PDB file of N, CA and C in Angstrom:
ATOM      1  N   UNK A   1      -6.523 -19.397  11.049  1.00  0.00           N
ATOM      2  CA  UNK A   1      -7.360 -18.733  10.071  1.00  0.00           C
ATOM      3  C   UNK A   1      -6.479 -18.136   8.973  1.00  0.00           C
ATOM      4  N   UNK A   2      -7.070 -17.998   7.806  1.00  0.00           N
ATOM      5  CA  UNK A   2      -6.370 -17.406   6.679  1.00  0.00           C
ATOM      6  C   UNK A   2      -6.995 -16.052   6.362  1.00  0.00           C
ATOM      7  N   UNK A   3      -6.141 -15.074   6.150  1.00  0.00           N
ATOM      8  CA  UNK A   3      -6.595 -13.719   5.838  1.00  0.00           C
ATOM      9  C   UNK A   3      -5.953 -13.247   4.540  1.00  0.00           C
ATOM     10  N   UNK A   4      -6.749 -12.530   3.744  1.00  0.00           N
ATOM     11  CA  UNK A   4      -6.217 -11.817   2.589  1.00  0.00           C
ATOM     12  C   UNK A   4      -5.778 -10.453   3.087  1.00  0.00           C
ATOM     13  N   UNK A   5      -4.537 -10.095   2.790  1.00  0.00           N
ATOM     14  CA  UNK A   5      -3.987  -8.808   3.224  1.00  0.00           C
ATOM     15  C   UNK A   5      -3.606  -7.982   2.010  1.00  0.00           C
ATOM     16  N   UNK A   6      -3.876  -6.689   2.096  1.00  0.00           N
ATOM     17  CA  UNK A   6      -3.418  -5.736   1.097  1.00  0.00           C
ATOM     18  C   UNK A   6      -2.746  -4.601   1.851  1.00  0.00           C
ATOM     19  N   UNK A   7      -1.510  -4.318   1.480  1.00  0.00           N
ATOM     20  CA  UNK A   7      -0.761  -3.217   2.073  1.00  0.00           C
ATOM     21  C   UNK A   7      -0.603  -2.141   0.998  1.00  0.00           C
ATOM     22  N   UNK A   8      -1.126  -0.952   1.282  1.00  0.00           N
ATOM     23  CA  UNK A   8      -0.958   0.195   0.377  1.00  0.00           C
ATOM     24  C   UNK A   8       0.185   1.042   0.928  1.00  0.00           C
ATOM     25  N   UNK A   9       1.170   1.290   0.071  1.00  0.00           N
ATOM     26  CA  UNK A   9       2.362   2.037   0.473  1.00  0.00           C
ATOM     27  C   UNK A   9       2.382   3.354  -0.299  1.00  0.00           C
ATOM     28  N   UNK A  10       2.583   4.444   0.419  1.00  0.00           N
ATOM     29  CA  UNK A  10       2.683   5.758  -0.215  1.00  0.00           C
ATOM     30  C   UNK A  10       3.806   6.543   0.452  1.00  0.00           C
ATOM     31  N   UNK A  11       4.281   7.545  -0.268  1.00  0.00           N
ATOM     32  CA  UNK A  11       5.326   8.396   0.296  1.00  0.00           C
ATOM     33  C   UNK A  11       4.739   9.276   1.396  1.00  0.00           C
ATOM     34  N   UNK A  12       5.531   9.539   2.409  1.00  0.00           N
ATOM     35  CA  UNK A  12       5.102  10.422   3.491  1.00  0.00           C
ATOM     36  C   UNK A  12       4.960  11.843   2.965  1.00  0.00           C
ATOM     37  N   UNK A  13       4.108  12.643   3.588  1.00  0.00           N
ATOM     38  CA  UNK A  13       3.992  14.053   3.189  1.00  0.00           C
ATOM     39  C   UNK A  13       5.357  14.736   3.247  1.00  0.00           C
ATOM     40  N   UNK A  14       5.629  15.549   2.229  1.00  0.00           N
ATOM     41  CA  UNK A  14       6.889  16.284   2.174  1.00  0.00           C
ATOM     42  C   UNK A  14       8.007  15.557   1.449  1.00  0.00           C
ATOM     43  N   UNK A  15       7.811  14.279   1.122  1.00  0.00           N
ATOM     44  CA  UNK A  15       8.815  13.525   0.375  1.00  0.00           C
ATOM     45  C   UNK A  15       8.531  13.720  -1.115  1.00  0.00           C
ATOM     46  N   UNK A  16       9.559  14.078  -1.877  1.00  0.00           N
ATOM     47  CA  UNK A  16       9.396  14.301  -3.317  1.00  0.00           C
ATOM     48  C   UNK A  16       8.898  13.035  -4.003  1.00  0.00           C
ATOM     49  N   UNK A  17       7.959  13.213  -4.928  1.00  0.00           N
ATOM     50  CA  UNK A  17       7.395  12.107  -5.696  1.00  0.00           C
ATOM     51  C   UNK A  17       7.593  12.414  -7.181  1.00  0.00           C
ATOM     52  N   UNK A  18       8.782  12.141  -7.727  1.00  0.00           N
ATOM     53  CA  UNK A  18       9.035  12.493  -9.122  1.00  0.00           C
ATOM     54  C   UNK A  18       8.118  11.764 -10.110  1.00  0.00           C
ATOM     55  N   UNK A  19       7.722  10.540  -9.811  1.00  0.00           N
ATOM     56  CA  UNK A  19       6.807   9.824 -10.706  1.00  0.00           C
ATOM     57  C   UNK A  19       5.438  10.503 -10.733  1.00  0.00           C
ATOM     58  N   UNK A  20       4.944  10.850  -9.563  1.00  0.00           N
ATOM     59  CA  UNK A  20       3.662  11.541  -9.491  1.00  0.00           C
ATOM     60  C   UNK A  20       3.709  12.880 -10.206  1.00  0.00           C
ATOM     61  N   UNK A  21       4.813  13.623 -10.033  1.00  0.00           N
ATOM     62  CA  UNK A  21       4.962  14.925 -10.692  1.00  0.00           C
ATOM     63  C   UNK A  21       5.005  14.769 -12.206  1.00  0.00           C
ATOM     64  N   UNK A  22       5.688  13.761 -12.701  1.00  0.00           N
ATOM     65  CA  UNK A  22       5.762  13.521 -14.146  1.00  0.00           C
ATOM     66  C   UNK A  22       4.385  13.204 -14.711  1.00  0.00           C
ATOM     67  N   UNK A  23       3.644  12.362 -14.033  1.00  0.00           N
ATOM     68  CA  UNK A  23       2.287  12.023 -14.478  1.00  0.00           C
ATOM     69  C   UNK A  23       1.415  13.273 -14.482  1.00  0.00           C
ATOM     70  N   UNK A  24       1.488  14.043 -13.406  1.00  0.00           N
ATOM     71  CA  UNK A  24       0.659  15.241 -13.299  1.00  0.00           C
ATOM     72  C   UNK A  24       0.962  16.234 -14.419  1.00  0.00           C
ATOM     73  N   UNK A  25       2.243  16.408 -14.753  1.00  0.00           N
ATOM     74  CA  UNK A  25       2.616  17.326 -15.837  1.00  0.00           C
ATOM     75  C   UNK A  25       2.135  16.830 -17.195  1.00  0.00           C
ATOM     76  N   UNK A  26       2.064  15.518 -17.399  1.00  0.00           N
ATOM     77  CA  UNK A  26       1.670  14.956 -18.688  1.00  0.00           C
ATOM     78  C   UNK A  26       0.157  14.971 -18.912  1.00  0.00           C
ATOM     79  N   UNK A  27      -0.626  15.004 -17.870  1.00  0.00           N
ATOM     80  CA  UNK A  27      -2.073  14.865 -18.002  1.00  0.00           C
ATOM     81  C   UNK A  27      -2.735  15.924 -18.887  1.00  0.00           C
ATOM     82  N   UNK A  28      -2.400  17.220 -18.766  1.00  0.00           N
ATOM     83  CA  UNK A  28      -3.054  18.206 -19.649  1.00  0.00           C
ATOM     84  C   UNK A  28      -2.811  17.934 -21.131  1.00  0.00           C
ATOM     85  N   UNK A  29      -1.623  17.475 -21.485  1.00  0.00           N
ATOM     86  CA  UNK A  29      -1.332  17.171 -22.890  1.00  0.00           C
ATOM     87  C   UNK A  29      -2.173  16.004 -23.393  1.00  0.00           C
ATOM     88  N   UNK A  30      -2.651  15.186 -22.494  1.00  0.00           N
ATOM     89  CA  UNK A  30      -3.488  14.045 -22.859  1.00  0.00           C
ATOM     90  C   UNK A  30      -4.981  14.369 -22.752  1.00  0.00           C
ATOM     91  N   UNK A  31      -5.288  15.637 -22.448  1.00  0.00           N
ATOM     92  CA  UNK A  31      -6.681  16.058 -22.373  1.00  0.00           C
ATOM     93  C   UNK A  31      -7.322  15.931 -21.013  1.00  0.00           C
ATOM     94  N   UNK A  32      -6.541  15.684 -19.976  1.00  0.00           N
ATOM     95  CA  UNK A  32      -7.072  15.554 -18.624  1.00  0.00           C
ATOM     96  C   UNK A  32      -6.756  16.816 -17.841  1.00  0.00           C
ATOM     97  N   UNK A  33      -7.707  17.755 -17.830  1.00  0.00           N
ATOM     98  CA  UNK A  33      -7.529  19.013 -17.113  1.00  0.00           C
ATOM     99  C   UNK A  33      -8.080  18.880 -15.692  1.00  0.00           C
ATOM    100  N   UNK A  34      -7.555  19.687 -14.802  1.00  0.00           N
ATOM    101  CA  UNK A  34      -8.100  19.754 -13.454  1.00  0.00           C
ATOM    102  C   UNK A  34      -7.680  18.629 -12.536  1.00  0.00           C
ATOM    103  N   UNK A  35      -6.672  17.876 -12.905  1.00  0.00           N
ATOM    104  CA  UNK A  35      -6.180  16.795 -12.040  1.00  0.00           C
ATOM    105  C   UNK A  35      -4.941  17.301 -11.329  1.00  0.00           C
ATOM    106  N   UNK A  36      -4.920  17.160 -10.007  1.00  0.00           N
ATOM    107  CA  UNK A  36      -3.757  17.610  -9.244  1.00  0.00           C
ATOM    108  C   UNK A  36      -3.516  16.677  -8.062  1.00  0.00           C
ATOM    109  N   UNK A  37      -2.383  16.862  -7.446  1.00  0.00           N
ATOM    110  CA  UNK A  37      -2.055  16.048  -6.277  1.00  0.00           C
ATOM    111  C   UNK A  37      -1.795  14.586  -6.598  1.00  0.00           C
ATOM    112  N   UNK A  38      -1.245  14.321  -7.773  1.00  0.00           N
ATOM    113  CA  UNK A  38      -0.990  12.939  -8.178  1.00  0.00           C
ATOM    114  C   UNK A  38       0.146  12.363  -7.336  1.00  0.00           C
ATOM    115  N   UNK A  39      -0.077  11.189  -6.797  1.00  0.00           N
ATOM    116  CA  UNK A  39       0.940  10.482  -6.035  1.00  0.00           C
ATOM    117  C   UNK A  39       1.027   9.048  -6.514  1.00  0.00           C
ATOM    118  N   UNK A  40       2.221   8.525  -6.547  1.00  0.00           N
ATOM    119  CA  UNK A  40       2.433   7.149  -6.978  1.00  0.00           C
ATOM    120  C   UNK A  40       2.836   6.324  -5.762  1.00  0.00           C
ATOM    121  N   UNK A  41       2.233   5.175  -5.624  1.00  0.00           N
ATOM    122  CA  UNK A  41       2.558   4.267  -4.533  1.00  0.00           C
ATOM    123  C   UNK A  41       2.563   2.848  -5.054  1.00  0.00           C
ATOM    124  N   UNK A  42       2.362   1.926  -4.140  1.00  0.00           N
ATOM    125  CA  UNK A  42       2.307   0.526  -4.543  1.00  0.00           C
ATOM    126  C   UNK A  42       1.328  -0.203  -3.629  1.00  0.00           C
ATOM    127  N   UNK A  43       0.788  -1.301  -4.142  1.00  0.00           N
ATOM    128  CA  UNK A  43      -0.084  -2.165  -3.362  1.00  0.00           C
ATOM    129  C   UNK A  43       0.518  -3.562  -3.382  1.00  0.00           C
ATOM    130  N   UNK A  44       0.602  -4.160  -2.219  1.00  0.00           N
ATOM    131  CA  UNK A  44       1.163  -5.501  -2.082  1.00  0.00           C
ATOM    132  C   UNK A  44       0.069  -6.382  -1.481  1.00  0.00           C
ATOM    133  N   UNK A  45      -0.276  -7.457  -2.177  1.00  0.00           N
ATOM    134  CA  UNK A  45      -1.326  -8.340  -1.671  1.00  0.00           C
ATOM    135  C   UNK A  45      -0.758  -9.735  -1.427  1.00  0.00           C
ATOM    136  N   UNK A  46      -1.255 -10.371  -0.384  1.00  0.00           N
ATOM    137  CA  UNK A  46      -0.797 -11.713  -0.025  1.00  0.00           C
ATOM    138  C   UNK A  46      -1.771 -12.323   0.972  1.00  0.00           C
ATOM    139  N   UNK A  47      -1.567 -13.589   1.272  1.00  0.00           N
ATOM    140  CA  UNK A  47      -2.347 -14.294   2.296  1.00  0.00           C
ATOM    141  C   UNK A  47      -1.469 -14.555   3.498  1.00  0.00           C
ATOM    142  N   UNK A  48      -2.093 -14.551   4.655  1.00  0.00           N
ATOM    143  CA  UNK A  48      -1.358 -14.791   5.890  1.00  0.00           C
ATOM    144  C   UNK A  48      -2.185 -15.712   6.788  1.00  0.00           C
ATOM    145  N   UNK A  49      -1.491 -16.630   7.429  1.00  0.00           N
ATOM    146  CA  UNK A  49      -2.098 -17.528   8.415  1.00  0.00           C
ATOM    147  C   UNK A  49      -1.853 -16.955   9.797  1.00  0.00           C
ATOM    148  N   UNK A  50      -2.916 -16.867  10.597  1.00  0.00           N
ATOM    149  CA  UNK A  50      -2.784 -16.362  11.972  1.00  0.00           C
ATOM    150  C   UNK A  50      -3.958 -16.876  12.793  1.00  0.00           C
ATOM    151  N   UNK A  51      -3.810 -16.823  14.105  1.00  0.00           N
ATOM    152  CA  UNK A  51      -4.844 -17.322  15.000  1.00  0.00           C
ATOM    153  C   UNK A  51      -6.132 -16.508  14.894  1.00  0.00           C
ATOM    154  N   UNK A  52      -5.997 -15.184  14.723  1.00  0.00           N
ATOM    155  CA  UNK A  52      -7.157 -14.312  14.619  1.00  0.00           C
ATOM    156  C   UNK A  52      -6.752 -13.028  13.893  1.00  0.00           C
ATOM    157  N   UNK A  53      -7.702 -12.111  13.710  1.00  0.00           N
ATOM    158  CA  UNK A  53      -7.417 -10.895  12.949  1.00  0.00           C
ATOM    159  C   UNK A  53      -6.376 -10.018  13.642  1.00  0.00           C
ATOM    160  N   UNK A  54      -6.411  -9.948  14.958  1.00  0.00           N
ATOM    161  CA  UNK A  54      -5.431  -9.133  15.683  1.00  0.00           C
ATOM    162  C   UNK A  54      -4.016  -9.668  15.464  1.00  0.00           C
ATOM    163  N   UNK A  55      -3.854 -10.975  15.501  1.00  0.00           N
ATOM    164  CA  UNK A  55      -2.535 -11.578  15.270  1.00  0.00           C
ATOM    165  C   UNK A  55      -2.094 -11.368  13.827  1.00  0.00           C
ATOM    166  N   UNK A  56      -3.034 -11.469  12.881  1.00  0.00           N
ATOM    167  CA  UNK A  56      -2.704 -11.240  11.474  1.00  0.00           C
ATOM    168  C   UNK A  56      -2.262  -9.792  11.263  1.00  0.00           C
ATOM    169  N   UNK A  57      -2.985  -8.839  11.850  1.00  0.00           N
ATOM    170  CA  UNK A  57      -2.630  -7.433  11.716  1.00  0.00           C
ATOM    171  C   UNK A  57      -1.252  -7.163  12.306  1.00  0.00           C
ATOM    172  N   UNK A  58      -0.973  -7.735  13.451  1.00  0.00           N
ATOM    173  CA  UNK A  58       0.337  -7.557  14.079  1.00  0.00           C
ATOM    174  C   UNK A  58       1.454  -8.093  13.187  1.00  0.00           C
ATOM    175  N   UNK A  59       1.233  -9.258  12.591  1.00  0.00           N
ATOM    176  CA  UNK A  59       2.221  -9.858  11.696  1.00  0.00           C
ATOM    177  C   UNK A  59       2.455  -8.969  10.474  1.00  0.00           C
ATOM    178  N   UNK A  60       1.374  -8.471   9.865  1.00  0.00           N
ATOM    179  CA  UNK A  60       1.496  -7.638   8.676  1.00  0.00           C
ATOM    180  C   UNK A  60       2.162  -6.305   9.024  1.00  0.00           C
ATOM    181  N   UNK A  61       1.834  -5.740  10.166  1.00  0.00           N
ATOM    182  CA  UNK A  61       2.499  -4.506  10.598  1.00  0.00           C
ATOM    183  C   UNK A  61       3.998  -4.722  10.747  1.00  0.00           C
ATOM    184  N   UNK A  62       4.380  -5.851  11.325  1.00  0.00           N
ATOM    185  CA  UNK A  62       5.799  -6.172  11.468  1.00  0.00           C
ATOM    186  C   UNK A  62       6.463  -6.327  10.097  1.00  0.00           C
ATOM    187  N   UNK A  63       5.778  -7.006   9.164  1.00  0.00           N
ATOM    188  CA  UNK A  63       6.288  -7.126   7.797  1.00  0.00           C
ATOM    189  C   UNK A  63       6.509  -5.741   7.179  1.00  0.00           C
ATOM    190  N   UNK A  64       5.560  -4.841   7.384  1.00  0.00           N
ATOM    191  CA  UNK A  64       5.676  -3.493   6.821  1.00  0.00           C
ATOM    192  C   UNK A  64       6.904  -2.775   7.372  1.00  0.00           C
ATOM    193  N   UNK A  65       7.067  -2.814   8.675  1.00  0.00           N
ATOM    194  CA  UNK A  65       8.169  -2.077   9.300  1.00  0.00           C
ATOM    195  C   UNK A  65       9.534  -2.677   9.009  1.00  0.00           C
ATOM    196  N   UNK A  66       9.591  -3.993   8.841  1.00  0.00           N
ATOM    197  CA  UNK A  66      10.888  -4.643   8.671  1.00  0.00           C
ATOM    198  C   UNK A  66      11.271  -4.941   7.231  1.00  0.00           C
ATOM    199  N   UNK A  67      10.263  -4.982   6.307  1.00  0.00           N
ATOM    200  CA  UNK A  67      10.596  -5.451   4.969  1.00  0.00           C
ATOM    201  C   UNK A  67       9.861  -4.747   3.827  1.00  0.00           C
ATOM    202  N   UNK A  68       8.555  -4.543   3.956  1.00  0.00           N
ATOM    203  CA  UNK A  68       7.761  -4.073   2.827  1.00  0.00           C
ATOM    204  C   UNK A  68       7.849  -2.571   2.576  1.00  0.00           C
ATOM    205  N   UNK A  69       8.210  -1.803   3.573  1.00  0.00           N
ATOM    206  CA  UNK A  69       8.276  -0.353   3.406  1.00  0.00           C
ATOM    207  C   UNK A  69       9.588   0.186   3.965  1.00  0.00           C
ATOM    208  N   UNK A  70       9.882   1.410   3.575  1.00  0.00           N
ATOM    209  CA  UNK A  70      10.971   2.158   4.192  1.00  0.00           C
ATOM    210  C   UNK A  70      10.289   3.146   5.133  1.00  0.00           C
ATOM    211  N   UNK A  71      10.205   2.841   6.427  1.00  0.00           N
ATOM    212  CA  UNK A  71       9.434   3.680   7.342  1.00  0.00           C
ATOM    213  C   UNK A  71       9.963   5.106   7.485  1.00  0.00           C
ATOM    214  N   UNK A  72      11.152   5.377   6.987  1.00  0.00           N
ATOM    215  CA  UNK A  72      11.686   6.738   7.043  1.00  0.00           C
ATOM    216  C   UNK A  72      10.951   7.639   6.052  1.00  0.00           C
ATOM    217  N   UNK A  73      10.591   7.095   4.862  1.00  0.00           N
ATOM    218  CA  UNK A  73       9.983   7.928   3.827  1.00  0.00           C
ATOM    219  C   UNK A  73       8.602   7.449   3.372  1.00  0.00           C
ATOM    220  N   UNK A  74       8.142   6.285   3.852  1.00  0.00           N
ATOM    221  CA  UNK A  74       6.877   5.732   3.374  1.00  0.00           C
ATOM    222  C   UNK A  74       5.912   5.464   4.522  1.00  0.00           C
ATOM    223  N   UNK A  75       4.625   5.628   4.227  1.00  0.00           N
ATOM    224  CA  UNK A  75       3.541   5.243   5.117  1.00  0.00           C
ATOM    225  C   UNK A  75       2.857   4.026   4.515  1.00  0.00           C
ATOM    226  N   UNK A  76       2.180   3.264   5.356  1.00  0.00           N
ATOM    227  CA  UNK A  76       1.441   2.115   4.843  1.00  0.00           C
ATOM    228  C   UNK A  76       0.087   2.039   5.531  1.00  0.00           C
ATOM    229  N   UNK A  77      -0.872   1.480   4.801  1.00  0.00           N
ATOM    230  CA  UNK A  77      -2.172   1.169   5.387  1.00  0.00           C
ATOM    231  C   UNK A  77      -2.478  -0.286   5.048  1.00  0.00           C
ATOM    232  N   UNK A  78      -3.125  -0.944   5.973  1.00  0.00           N
ATOM    233  CA  UNK A  78      -3.362  -2.383   5.863  1.00  0.00           C
ATOM    234  C   UNK A  78      -4.851  -2.656   5.794  1.00  0.00           C
ATOM    235  N   UNK A  79      -5.232  -3.514   4.851  1.00  0.00           N
ATOM    236  CA  UNK A  79      -6.601  -4.009   4.768  1.00  0.00           C
ATOM    237  C   UNK A  79      -6.540  -5.524   4.931  1.00  0.00           C
ATOM    238  N   UNK A  80      -7.327  -6.039   5.866  1.00  0.00           N
ATOM    239  CA  UNK A  80      -7.395  -7.479   6.107  1.00  0.00           C
ATOM    240  C   UNK A  80      -8.840  -7.943   5.985  1.00  0.00           C
ATOM    241  N   UNK A  81      -9.006  -9.123   5.439  1.00  0.00           N
ATOM    242  CA  UNK A  81     -10.337  -9.752   5.457  1.00  0.00           C
ATOM    243  C   UNK A  81     -10.142 -11.253   5.440  1.00  0.00           C
ATOM    244  N   UNK A  82     -11.069 -11.986   6.038  1.00  0.00           N
ATOM    245  CA  UNK A  82     -10.949 -13.449   5.996  1.00  0.00           C
ATOM    246  C   UNK A  82     -10.914 -13.931   4.554  1.00  0.00           C
ATOM    247  N   UNK A  83     -10.038 -14.883   4.287  1.00  0.00           N
ATOM    248  CA  UNK A  83      -9.913 -15.428   2.931  1.00  0.00           C
ATOM    249  C   UNK A  83     -11.138 -16.270   2.607  1.00  0.00           C
ATOM    250  N   UNK A  84     -11.577 -16.188   1.351  1.00  0.00           N
ATOM    251  CA  UNK A  84     -12.724 -16.976   0.911  1.00  0.00           C
ATOM    252  C   UNK A  84     -12.379 -18.447   0.752  1.00  0.00           C
ATOM    253  N   UNK A  85     -11.141 -18.699   0.310  1.00  0.00           N
ATOM    254  CA  UNK A  85     -10.715 -20.073   0.034  1.00  0.00           C
ATOM    255  C   UNK A  85      -9.513 -20.383   0.906  1.00  0.00           C
ATOM    256  N   UNK A  86      -9.572 -21.418   1.732  1.00  0.00           N
ATOM    257  CA  UNK A  86      -8.412 -21.766   2.551  1.00  0.00           C
ATOM    258  C   UNK A  86      -7.203 -22.114   1.685  1.00  0.00           C
ATOM    259  N   UNK A  87      -6.017 -21.756   2.185  1.00  0.00           N
ATOM    260  CA  UNK A  87      -4.774 -22.109   1.487  1.00  0.00           C
ATOM    261  C   UNK A  87      -4.487 -23.570   1.752  1.00  0.00           C
ATOM    262  N   UNK A  88      -4.173 -24.314   0.697  1.00  0.00           N
ATOM    263  CA  UNK A  88      -3.921 -25.760   0.849  1.00  0.00           C
ATOM    264  C   UNK A  88      -2.505 -26.002   1.331  1.00  0.00           C
TER     265      UNK A  88
END
């Protein structure tokens, strides 16, 4: 089966986020009041072939821990859904 995967990566609580802080400081000057807690992360999307959703999730989790994230300072969340179009 083919699955569409999206991995959202964010900094762990307590890790400094200078990009988020810079954005948050700039917002009032741009007319955006009342915005706080800005955090910057990344989203990585791809397709994966696996026997079933459990196998796909296990594969993506392994990718996260070994390659896509720095588990010391980053957290990740995974979204999986069956792909609409099979990969040729």
